[in-house]
Protein backbone atom coordinates (compact mmCIF):
# COMPACT_ATOMS: atom_id res chain seq x y z
CA MET A 1 34.40 -5.91 11.20
CA SER A 2 36.50 -7.77 8.70
CA GLY A 3 35.86 -10.95 6.74
CA SER A 4 32.46 -11.51 5.15
CA ALA A 5 28.89 -11.09 6.31
CA THR A 6 25.33 -11.05 5.12
CA VAL A 7 22.75 -8.57 6.35
CA GLY A 8 19.08 -9.13 7.07
CA VAL A 9 16.76 -6.14 7.24
CA ASP A 10 13.30 -6.49 8.77
CA ILE A 11 10.76 -3.71 8.18
CA GLY A 12 8.49 -4.15 11.16
CA THR A 13 5.35 -2.44 12.34
CA THR A 14 7.14 -0.07 14.74
CA SER A 15 10.79 -0.20 13.65
CA VAL A 16 13.33 -1.43 11.12
CA LYS A 17 15.76 -3.99 12.50
CA ALA A 18 19.02 -5.04 10.82
CA VAL A 19 21.57 -7.66 11.77
CA ALA A 20 24.94 -8.45 10.20
CA VAL A 21 25.78 -12.13 10.56
CA ASP A 22 29.03 -13.99 9.92
CA GLU A 23 29.52 -17.42 8.31
CA GLN A 24 28.86 -19.24 11.62
CA GLY A 25 25.57 -17.47 12.23
CA VAL A 26 26.98 -15.13 14.87
CA VAL A 27 25.44 -11.66 14.95
CA VAL A 28 28.35 -9.23 14.68
CA ALA A 29 26.31 -6.02 14.48
CA ARG A 30 22.71 -4.98 14.98
CA ALA A 31 20.67 -1.82 14.54
CA ARG A 32 17.16 -0.59 15.17
CA VAL A 33 15.52 2.45 13.56
CA PRO A 34 12.08 3.26 15.03
CA HIS A 35 9.18 4.68 13.05
CA ARG A 36 5.61 5.67 13.76
CA LEU A 37 2.62 3.41 13.38
CA ILE A 38 -0.27 5.63 12.28
CA THR A 39 -3.73 4.53 13.48
CA LEU A 40 -6.24 7.15 12.38
CA ALA A 41 -9.10 4.82 13.32
CA PRO A 42 -9.36 1.24 14.67
CA ASP A 43 -9.70 -0.12 11.12
CA LEU A 44 -6.96 2.04 9.56
CA LEU A 45 -3.30 1.11 9.84
CA GLU A 46 -0.53 2.81 7.89
CA HIS A 47 3.08 3.97 7.77
CA ASP A 48 4.83 6.99 6.42
CA ALA A 49 6.21 4.73 3.70
CA GLY A 50 9.04 7.08 2.78
CA ARG A 51 10.26 7.02 6.37
CA ALA A 52 9.55 3.40 7.31
CA TRP A 53 10.13 1.57 4.03
CA ARG A 54 12.88 3.62 2.37
CA ARG A 55 14.87 5.86 4.70
CA GLY A 56 14.64 3.53 7.69
CA PRO A 57 16.17 0.52 5.90
CA LEU A 58 18.96 2.68 4.44
CA GLN A 59 19.76 4.04 7.91
CA ALA A 60 19.66 0.56 9.44
CA LEU A 61 22.19 -0.75 6.90
CA GLU A 62 24.44 2.23 7.56
CA LYS A 63 24.28 1.60 11.32
CA VAL A 64 25.47 -2.01 11.10
CA ARG A 65 28.56 -0.65 9.30
CA VAL A 66 29.53 -3.57 7.11
CA ALA A 67 32.24 -2.50 4.67
CA ALA A 68 31.36 -2.91 1.00
CA ALA A 69 34.18 -5.41 0.56
CA ASP A 70 32.86 -7.55 3.43
CA LEU A 71 29.19 -7.57 2.43
CA ARG A 72 28.27 -10.72 0.53
CA GLY A 73 24.49 -10.40 0.45
CA LEU A 74 21.45 -8.53 1.74
CA CYS A 75 17.83 -9.58 2.12
CA VAL A 76 14.84 -7.46 3.13
CA CYS A 77 11.81 -8.99 4.81
CA SER A 78 8.61 -7.39 6.00
CA MET A 79 5.03 -7.99 7.00
CA VAL A 80 2.40 -8.87 4.39
CA PRO A 81 0.46 -7.42 2.79
CA SER A 82 1.45 -3.77 2.35
CA LEU A 83 1.30 -1.24 -0.49
CA THR A 84 2.17 2.32 -1.44
CA ALA A 85 2.09 4.35 -4.66
CA VAL A 86 5.55 5.47 -5.84
CA ASP A 87 6.88 8.06 -8.26
CA ALA A 88 9.41 7.60 -11.08
CA ARG A 89 12.29 7.58 -8.56
CA GLY A 90 10.66 4.86 -6.48
CA ARG A 91 9.78 7.25 -3.66
CA PRO A 92 6.45 6.72 -1.89
CA ARG A 93 3.76 9.27 -2.65
CA SER A 94 0.91 7.75 -0.63
CA PRO A 95 0.50 6.27 2.83
CA GLY A 96 1.93 2.81 3.26
CA LEU A 97 -1.14 0.64 3.83
CA LEU A 98 -0.65 -2.28 6.23
CA TYR A 99 -2.30 -5.64 6.88
CA GLY A 100 -5.87 -5.36 8.12
CA ASP A 101 -6.44 -1.79 6.92
CA ALA A 102 -10.07 -1.32 5.86
CA ARG A 103 -8.94 0.14 2.54
CA GLY A 104 -7.92 -3.38 1.59
CA ARG A 105 -11.38 -4.79 2.21
CA LEU A 106 -13.40 -2.51 -0.02
CA ALA A 107 -13.58 -2.85 -3.78
CA ARG A 108 -13.16 0.44 -5.64
CA ASP A 109 -16.39 0.54 -7.62
CA THR A 110 -18.94 -1.54 -5.77
CA GLY A 111 -17.94 -0.88 -2.16
CA THR A 112 -18.48 -4.58 -1.48
CA GLU A 113 -16.39 -6.23 1.17
CA VAL A 114 -13.88 -8.71 -0.27
CA GLY A 115 -12.94 -10.24 3.07
CA GLY A 116 -14.82 -10.66 6.33
CA PRO A 117 -15.92 -13.07 9.05
CA ASP A 118 -17.34 -15.54 6.53
CA ALA A 119 -14.24 -15.63 4.33
CA ALA A 120 -11.85 -18.57 4.49
CA PRO A 121 -9.38 -17.91 7.32
CA ASP A 122 -6.32 -18.04 5.07
CA VAL A 123 -7.72 -15.59 2.52
CA MET A 124 -5.71 -12.34 2.40
CA PRO A 125 -7.75 -10.07 0.14
CA ASP A 126 -5.91 -6.96 1.30
CA SER A 127 -3.41 -6.96 -1.57
CA GLU A 128 -6.04 -6.60 -4.29
CA GLY A 129 -8.04 -4.19 -2.17
CA PHE A 130 -4.95 -2.07 -1.53
CA LEU A 131 -4.17 -1.98 -5.24
CA ARG A 132 -7.72 -0.92 -6.11
CA TRP A 133 -7.52 1.86 -3.53
CA ALA A 134 -4.11 3.05 -4.72
CA VAL A 135 -5.12 3.13 -8.40
CA ALA A 136 -8.29 5.05 -7.56
CA ASN A 137 -6.53 7.60 -5.35
CA HIS A 138 -3.16 7.84 -7.12
CA PRO A 139 -3.79 7.06 -10.81
CA GLU A 140 -0.69 9.05 -11.81
CA ALA A 141 1.70 6.81 -9.84
CA ARG A 142 4.67 5.25 -11.58
CA GLY A 143 4.24 2.09 -9.56
CA TYR A 144 2.42 0.31 -6.77
CA TRP A 145 4.82 -1.52 -4.48
CA PRO A 146 4.84 -3.30 -1.11
CA ALA A 147 7.39 -2.46 1.58
CA GLN A 148 9.94 -5.05 0.38
CA ALA A 149 10.00 -3.61 -3.16
CA VAL A 150 10.39 -0.03 -1.91
CA ALA A 151 13.39 -1.00 0.21
CA ASN A 152 14.98 -3.15 -2.50
CA HIS A 153 14.71 -0.29 -4.96
CA ALA A 154 16.45 1.95 -2.43
CA PHE A 155 19.21 -0.63 -1.89
CA GLY A 156 19.79 -1.73 -5.46
CA GLY A 157 17.44 -0.03 -7.91
CA VAL A 158 15.30 -3.17 -8.33
CA PRO A 159 11.71 -3.18 -6.96
CA ALA A 160 11.86 -6.90 -6.26
CA ILE A 161 9.78 -9.28 -4.20
CA ASP A 162 10.09 -13.02 -3.97
CA SER A 163 7.56 -15.67 -4.87
CA GLY A 164 6.42 -15.99 -1.25
CA VAL A 165 5.38 -12.34 -1.05
CA ALA A 166 3.77 -12.59 -4.49
CA MET A 167 1.63 -15.50 -3.29
CA MET A 168 0.02 -13.15 -0.77
CA SER A 169 -1.48 -11.47 -3.86
CA ALA A 170 -2.81 -14.74 -5.23
CA SER A 171 -5.87 -13.17 -6.88
CA LEU A 172 -3.53 -11.03 -9.00
CA LEU A 173 -1.37 -13.94 -10.17
CA HIS A 174 -1.45 -16.49 -12.95
CA ALA A 175 1.15 -19.29 -13.01
CA GLY A 176 3.29 -17.42 -10.50
CA GLN A 177 3.41 -14.16 -12.47
CA TRP A 178 1.16 -11.12 -12.65
CA ASP A 179 -2.14 -11.88 -14.35
CA ARG A 180 -2.28 -9.44 -17.26
CA ALA A 181 -6.02 -9.85 -17.76
CA LYS A 182 -6.67 -9.02 -14.12
CA LEU A 183 -4.32 -6.04 -14.28
CA ASP A 184 -6.13 -4.74 -17.37
CA ASP A 185 -9.36 -4.91 -15.41
CA LEU A 186 -7.78 -2.86 -12.63
CA GLY A 187 -6.16 -0.38 -14.99
CA VAL A 188 -2.63 -1.36 -13.98
CA ARG A 189 0.37 -2.14 -16.20
CA GLU A 190 2.65 -5.03 -15.36
CA ASP A 191 5.67 -2.72 -15.16
CA GLN A 192 3.94 -0.77 -12.38
CA LEU A 193 4.16 -3.80 -10.09
CA PRO A 194 7.25 -5.37 -8.50
CA VAL A 195 9.59 -7.80 -10.22
CA ILE A 196 9.02 -11.35 -8.92
CA VAL A 197 12.02 -13.63 -8.30
CA ASN A 198 12.13 -17.12 -6.82
CA MET A 199 12.57 -17.34 -3.07
CA GLY A 200 16.25 -17.33 -2.10
CA GLU A 201 17.45 -16.12 -5.50
CA ARG A 202 19.37 -13.01 -6.46
CA ALA A 203 17.34 -10.05 -7.73
CA GLY A 204 20.31 -7.74 -8.30
CA THR A 205 23.23 -6.24 -6.39
CA VAL A 206 23.49 -3.73 -3.58
CA THR A 207 24.49 -0.38 -5.05
CA GLY A 208 28.21 0.30 -4.73
CA THR A 209 29.05 -3.31 -3.91
CA GLU A 210 29.15 -6.75 -5.50
CA ALA A 211 26.85 -8.12 -2.80
CA ALA A 212 23.78 -10.07 -3.86
CA LEU A 213 20.41 -8.42 -3.29
CA ALA A 214 17.74 -11.04 -2.62
CA GLY A 215 14.09 -10.74 -3.55
CA GLY A 216 12.19 -9.21 -0.63
CA THR A 217 10.51 -11.88 1.45
CA ILE A 218 8.08 -12.47 4.33
CA ASP A 219 9.11 -11.69 7.92
CA ALA A 220 7.30 -14.63 9.57
CA PHE A 221 8.84 -17.07 7.08
CA CYS A 222 12.34 -15.80 7.92
CA ASP A 223 11.58 -16.14 11.63
CA GLN A 224 10.44 -19.69 11.14
CA VAL A 225 13.44 -21.01 9.20
CA VAL A 226 15.95 -20.08 11.94
CA SER A 227 13.73 -20.78 14.96
CA GLY A 228 14.42 -24.48 15.37
CA ALA A 229 10.66 -25.18 15.61
CA ASP A 230 10.84 -28.25 13.39
CA SER A 231 9.49 -31.18 15.42
CA PRO A 232 5.82 -32.12 15.93
CA GLY A 233 4.59 -30.36 19.07
CA ASP A 234 6.92 -27.39 18.66
CA VAL A 235 4.92 -24.14 18.69
CA LEU A 236 6.59 -21.09 17.18
CA VAL A 237 5.20 -17.91 18.77
CA ILE A 238 6.46 -14.70 17.17
CA CYS A 239 5.95 -11.86 19.63
CA GLY A 240 6.05 -8.84 17.36
CA ALA A 241 3.45 -6.15 16.87
CA THR A 242 1.35 -8.99 15.46
CA LEU A 243 1.31 -12.25 17.36
CA ILE A 244 1.95 -15.16 14.99
CA VAL A 245 1.42 -18.75 16.13
CA TRP A 246 2.67 -21.74 14.12
CA ALA A 247 2.39 -25.23 15.62
CA VAL A 248 4.29 -28.02 13.88
CA VAL A 249 2.14 -31.04 12.98
CA GLU A 250 2.59 -34.12 10.79
CA GLY A 251 -0.60 -33.90 8.74
CA TRP A 252 -2.76 -31.32 7.03
CA THR A 253 -5.36 -29.91 9.42
CA ASP A 254 -8.75 -28.47 8.55
CA ALA A 255 -10.11 -26.64 11.57
CA PRO A 256 -12.36 -23.59 11.98
CA GLY A 257 -10.52 -20.31 12.10
CA VAL A 258 -6.96 -21.63 11.84
CA TRP A 259 -4.57 -21.63 8.92
CA THR A 260 -2.59 -24.63 7.69
CA VAL A 261 0.52 -24.09 5.55
CA PRO A 262 3.42 -26.34 4.50
CA HIS A 263 6.50 -26.42 6.72
CA THR A 264 9.95 -26.12 5.18
CA VAL A 265 10.58 -29.64 6.53
CA PRO A 266 9.04 -32.27 4.20
CA ASP A 267 5.83 -33.96 5.37
CA ARG A 268 5.24 -31.44 8.14
CA PHE A 269 2.82 -28.57 8.36
CA LEU A 270 2.23 -25.42 10.40
CA VAL A 271 -1.13 -24.77 12.04
CA GLY A 272 -2.13 -21.46 13.58
CA GLY A 273 -2.20 -17.97 12.17
CA PRO A 274 -1.79 -14.26 12.97
CA SER A 275 -3.51 -12.53 15.87
CA ASN A 276 -3.77 -8.92 17.06
CA ALA A 277 -2.80 -10.02 20.59
CA GLY A 278 0.87 -9.12 20.11
CA ALA A 279 2.91 -6.08 21.09
CA LEU A 280 0.43 -3.75 19.41
CA PHE A 281 -2.00 -4.73 22.17
CA VAL A 282 0.49 -5.31 25.01
CA ASP A 283 2.29 -2.00 24.48
CA TRP A 284 -1.05 -0.17 24.20
CA VAL A 285 -1.96 -1.49 27.64
CA ARG A 286 1.46 -0.48 28.97
CA SER A 287 1.04 3.02 27.58
CA LEU A 288 -2.32 3.39 29.32
CA LEU A 289 -0.84 2.24 32.61
CA ARG A 290 2.35 4.25 32.21
CA ALA A 291 4.05 1.09 33.42
CA PRO A 292 7.74 1.81 34.13
CA LYS A 293 10.52 -0.16 32.53
CA ARG A 294 12.51 -2.05 35.13
CA ALA A 295 16.28 -1.85 35.39
CA THR A 296 16.74 -5.61 34.94
CA ARG A 297 16.88 -6.68 31.31
CA ALA A 298 16.50 -10.08 29.73
CA ARG A 299 19.78 -9.58 27.88
CA PRO A 300 22.21 -6.76 27.11
CA GLY A 301 21.44 -4.30 24.35
CA ASP A 302 17.67 -4.25 24.90
CA ASP A 303 16.28 -1.13 23.27
CA ALA A 304 13.00 -2.41 21.86
CA PRO A 305 9.75 -0.63 22.66
CA GLY A 306 7.81 -2.20 25.49
CA ALA A 307 10.84 -4.24 26.50
CA GLY A 308 10.62 -3.95 30.29
CA ALA A 309 12.09 -7.30 31.30
CA GLU A 310 11.78 -7.43 35.08
CA GLU A 311 12.23 -10.90 36.51
CA GLY A 312 9.44 -12.85 38.21
CA ARG A 313 5.86 -11.90 38.94
CA ARG A 314 4.25 -9.51 41.35
CA GLY A 315 1.01 -9.82 43.27
CA HIS A 316 -1.19 -12.82 43.97
CA PRO A 317 -1.93 -15.47 41.30
CA GLY A 318 -5.67 -15.16 41.87
CA ARG A 319 -5.82 -11.37 41.73
CA VAL A 320 -5.67 -10.77 37.99
CA PRO A 321 -8.55 -9.60 35.74
CA VAL A 322 -9.14 -10.86 32.19
CA TRP A 323 -8.50 -8.91 28.99
CA THR A 324 -9.79 -9.79 25.57
CA PRO A 325 -7.16 -8.27 23.25
CA TYR A 326 -9.35 -7.11 20.36
CA VAL A 327 -8.48 -3.40 20.29
CA ARG A 328 -8.66 -3.45 16.49
CA GLY A 329 -10.54 -6.64 15.77
CA GLU A 330 -9.02 -10.07 15.46
CA ARG A 331 -7.51 -12.14 12.70
CA ALA A 332 -7.15 -15.86 13.52
CA PRO A 333 -9.35 -17.49 14.63
CA TYR A 334 -12.23 -15.02 14.10
CA ASN A 335 -11.25 -13.00 11.01
CA ASP A 336 -13.44 -10.16 12.30
CA PRO A 337 -12.19 -6.55 12.28
CA THR A 338 -15.24 -5.35 14.24
CA LEU A 339 -14.41 -7.12 17.52
CA ARG A 340 -13.44 -4.87 20.42
CA SER A 341 -11.59 -5.39 23.68
CA GLN A 342 -13.09 -6.07 27.11
CA LEU A 343 -11.65 -6.03 30.63
CA GLN A 344 -13.57 -8.32 32.96
CA GLY A 345 -13.35 -8.72 36.72
CA LEU A 346 -11.61 -5.40 37.46
CA ASP A 347 -12.00 -4.10 41.01
CA ILE A 348 -10.54 -1.40 43.26
CA THR A 349 -7.80 -3.69 44.61
CA HIS A 350 -6.14 -4.20 41.21
CA ASP A 351 -3.06 -2.20 40.31
CA ALA A 352 -1.00 -1.56 37.19
CA GLU A 353 1.00 -4.76 37.68
CA SER A 354 -2.12 -6.95 37.69
CA LEU A 355 -3.54 -5.25 34.59
CA GLN A 356 -0.24 -5.67 32.76
CA ARG A 357 -0.13 -9.33 33.78
CA ALA A 358 -3.67 -9.70 32.41
CA ALA A 359 -2.53 -8.30 29.05
CA HIS A 360 0.41 -10.73 28.98
CA GLU A 361 -1.89 -13.63 29.82
CA ALA A 362 -4.23 -12.64 26.97
CA THR A 363 -1.43 -13.45 24.54
CA GLY A 364 -1.01 -16.87 26.13
CA PHE A 365 -4.76 -17.49 26.01
CA VAL A 366 -4.84 -16.74 22.27
CA VAL A 367 -1.98 -19.23 21.74
CA ARG A 368 -3.80 -21.83 23.83
CA HIS A 369 -7.07 -21.32 21.95
CA LEU A 370 -5.41 -21.72 18.53
CA LEU A 371 -3.73 -24.93 19.68
CA GLU A 372 -7.07 -26.29 20.91
CA LEU A 373 -8.83 -25.41 17.66
CA GLY A 374 -6.06 -27.08 15.66
CA GLY A 375 -6.10 -30.20 17.84
CA VAL A 376 -2.41 -29.69 18.60
CA ASP A 377 -0.72 -31.38 21.55
CA GLY A 378 1.98 -28.79 22.20
CA ARG A 379 5.34 -29.88 23.55
CA ARG A 380 7.11 -26.54 23.90
CA ILE A 381 6.83 -22.96 22.74
CA VAL A 382 9.70 -21.47 20.74
CA ALA A 383 9.38 -17.71 21.25
CA SER A 384 10.91 -15.14 18.91
CA GLY A 385 10.57 -11.43 18.28
CA GLY A 386 11.16 -8.27 20.30
CA GLY A 387 8.56 -9.22 22.90
CA THR A 388 10.80 -12.06 24.12
CA ARG A 389 12.92 -9.47 25.90
CA SER A 390 10.10 -9.09 28.43
CA ILE A 391 10.47 -12.00 30.83
CA PRO A 392 7.15 -11.27 32.61
CA TRP A 393 5.41 -11.55 29.23
CA MET A 394 7.11 -14.86 28.45
CA GLN A 395 6.35 -16.14 31.96
CA ALA A 396 2.67 -15.29 31.52
CA VAL A 397 2.62 -17.18 28.20
CA ALA A 398 4.20 -20.21 29.89
CA ASP A 399 1.68 -20.09 32.76
CA ALA A 400 -1.31 -19.52 30.45
CA THR A 401 -0.45 -22.41 28.12
CA GLY A 402 1.22 -24.77 30.58
CA LEU A 403 4.15 -25.14 28.17
CA PRO A 404 7.84 -24.30 28.63
CA VAL A 405 8.94 -21.31 26.59
CA ASP A 406 12.30 -21.59 24.82
CA ILE A 407 13.37 -18.04 23.98
CA VAL A 408 15.55 -17.84 20.88
CA ALA A 409 19.04 -16.45 21.33
CA VAL A 410 18.57 -13.79 18.63
CA PRO A 411 15.33 -11.87 19.25
CA GLU A 412 15.46 -10.20 15.82
CA GLY A 413 14.37 -13.51 14.34
CA ALA A 414 12.97 -12.12 11.07
CA ALA A 415 16.12 -10.10 10.32
CA TYR A 416 18.27 -13.06 11.36
CA GLY A 417 16.42 -15.38 8.98
CA ALA A 418 16.67 -12.77 6.24
CA ALA A 419 20.46 -12.78 6.69
CA TYR A 420 20.38 -16.51 5.97
CA MET A 421 18.24 -15.91 2.89
CA ALA A 422 20.90 -13.41 1.78
CA ARG A 423 23.45 -16.23 1.95
CA MET A 424 21.29 -18.26 -0.42
CA ALA A 425 21.05 -15.32 -2.84
CA ALA A 426 24.84 -14.98 -2.68
CA GLY A 427 25.34 -18.65 -3.52
CA LEU A 428 26.76 -19.46 -0.08
CA GLU A 429 23.92 -21.89 0.79
CA SER A 430 22.13 -24.29 -1.50
CA SER A 431 18.90 -24.74 0.47
CA LEU A 432 16.95 -23.76 3.58
CA ASP A 433 18.18 -26.88 5.39
CA GLY A 434 21.32 -25.12 6.58
CA ALA A 435 19.27 -22.57 8.50
CA ARG A 436 18.66 -25.13 11.24
CA ARG A 437 22.28 -24.85 12.36
CA TRP A 438 21.57 -21.19 13.24
CA ALA A 439 18.77 -22.11 15.65
CA ARG A 440 19.80 -21.41 19.25
CA VAL A 441 17.89 -21.19 22.53
CA GLY A 442 19.00 -18.36 24.78
CA ARG A 443 16.82 -19.11 27.79
CA THR A 444 13.94 -21.35 28.91
CA VAL A 445 11.01 -20.12 31.01
CA GLU A 446 9.05 -22.87 32.78
CA PRO A 447 5.40 -22.56 33.85
CA ASP A 448 4.78 -22.03 37.55
CA ARG A 449 2.20 -24.48 38.92
CA GLN A 450 0.47 -22.03 41.26
CA TRP A 451 0.13 -19.32 38.61
CA GLN A 452 -0.80 -21.90 35.99
CA GLU A 453 -3.76 -23.14 38.04
CA ALA A 454 -5.05 -19.59 38.48
CA ALA A 455 -4.56 -18.90 34.77
CA ASP A 456 -6.60 -22.00 33.91
CA GLU A 457 -9.61 -20.44 35.65
CA ARG A 458 -9.09 -17.14 33.85
CA TYR A 459 -8.79 -18.92 30.50
CA ALA A 460 -12.31 -20.29 30.97
CA ARG A 461 -13.56 -16.72 31.49
CA PHE A 462 -11.53 -15.55 28.49
CA ARG A 463 -13.33 -18.08 26.28
CA GLU A 464 -16.73 -17.08 27.66
CA LEU A 465 -16.05 -13.42 26.83
CA GLY A 466 -14.99 -14.11 23.25
CA PRO A 467 -17.04 -15.05 20.18
CA THR A 468 -18.17 -18.64 19.85
CA ARG A 469 -15.81 -20.87 17.91
C-alpha cells in the first residue's frame, strides 16, 4: 500500500488480529495469528504469554505489511484483566493469566476469596489477585504486566497501558496512578508495573518508525466506539471467545447481576456485561460434534476458528434441545465460576445440527436474559466479532431474542476500533466522536417467526434450568 494508515492489533483469546486502515476507515490489510488457549482445569485459563502477547502481535504487524513511511500510528487492545511476570528484556517468564482464572480470586496469604457470587457484579478482583499470585510465584521478576504492556514493549520499548485498562485494577490505584502504599503491602515497586497514559494519547513511537504508539487499551471499548450502537435500544453483542452484551439506555440502571457503565455518547449508558456463552462455548460444542464447516461463507476471507457460515437453518423448529452454556461458570448475571453446563431434552432423534443450533440459541438466550434483567426494550442487535461470520449463529440469536441482527461490516471490531484510537494518538483525530463515521452494517439478519415461536418455549426451559435471578 501507499499513503498513510493506522494499525489496530487485538490480542484475543484464541488469536491476534490486526487491521491496517486508511483515512476513510477502509481496511486495506488484515492478518490473523492463532495461538493456544490453555485450560488445565475449568477454573484455570492462561496463554503462553511469549507466544500470544509478544510474538503474535509482532507477526501480525509484519503480515499487514504497512511500510514504515506509511504507518502513522499503532494501538494494541486486549481483554481485561490479564497478567504475566517478565524479565529485564520484557519477555514473559510465567503463564499469561486471563480473566476468570482462579489464581485471581485467591489472596496470597489468607487464601480468602476476593470475588465470588456475592460480590458486586462489576467488581473485577482478578487484577490484584493475579499480581499477588505472580509476586508469590515469581518474586525475581523485573515486572508484572498485562497483555497490552507486553505487546507495547515489543513494538516500542514502552510497557504502556491506558487509563481504561488501569481502571480494571481499581484496587491498586490512587488518583489514577499506582497506589504506592498498596504496592508496598504487596511487595511490588512502581517501576515493575506498566506506565499509565491517558486514553487516546501517545505513549511512545513504534521502533524504526515515527508512528505514534498508543497506550494499550480494552478490546470491548474499541469494539463499541466503531460499532454504531449509539441510540437507546441498540444492543451491542460482541461474539468473541467471551460474549459481551451492551445495551444502550438513557439513564443509569441498577439491576441484579448486570453492569452499568457510561457510554461514550453523553447522557447515555451501557447495560449488560460479559458472559461465557461466546465462542469459547460454541466452538467447544462444535468440536465435540465434529461439525463440518460449510463451503458457503458469510463474506470472503473468512479464516476464523468456528466460522462455518452456512446459510439458513436445518431441521424442524421444535426439534432442538436446550443448552445452558456454563462450561466454566458464568460471569454476568451470576458471577459464579462454579456453575456447570446442562443439556436438557436430548433424545435419539436429535443430530449434530440440532445440538449446534441449541448452542447458538444459548447465546441468544443469555442476551435476552440480560436485557430483561436490565429492563431494556431492545430495538436491534449490532453484532461484532469473529462469531458474526457464522450466519446460523446470528440467525439463532435473532430468533432467540426476536430482534434483527445488524452485522458490522468489519468483523475484527476490536482491532478496527484500535486503529481509530491509533489515529487519536497520532494527532489525526481530536476525539472519539469521529469513530461513528467508521460504523458500517454489512448485513442484517431478521428473526424468523416460526423459529422464534419455538425458541420462546425453549427460553422458558432455559430460565428454569439456570440459577434464580
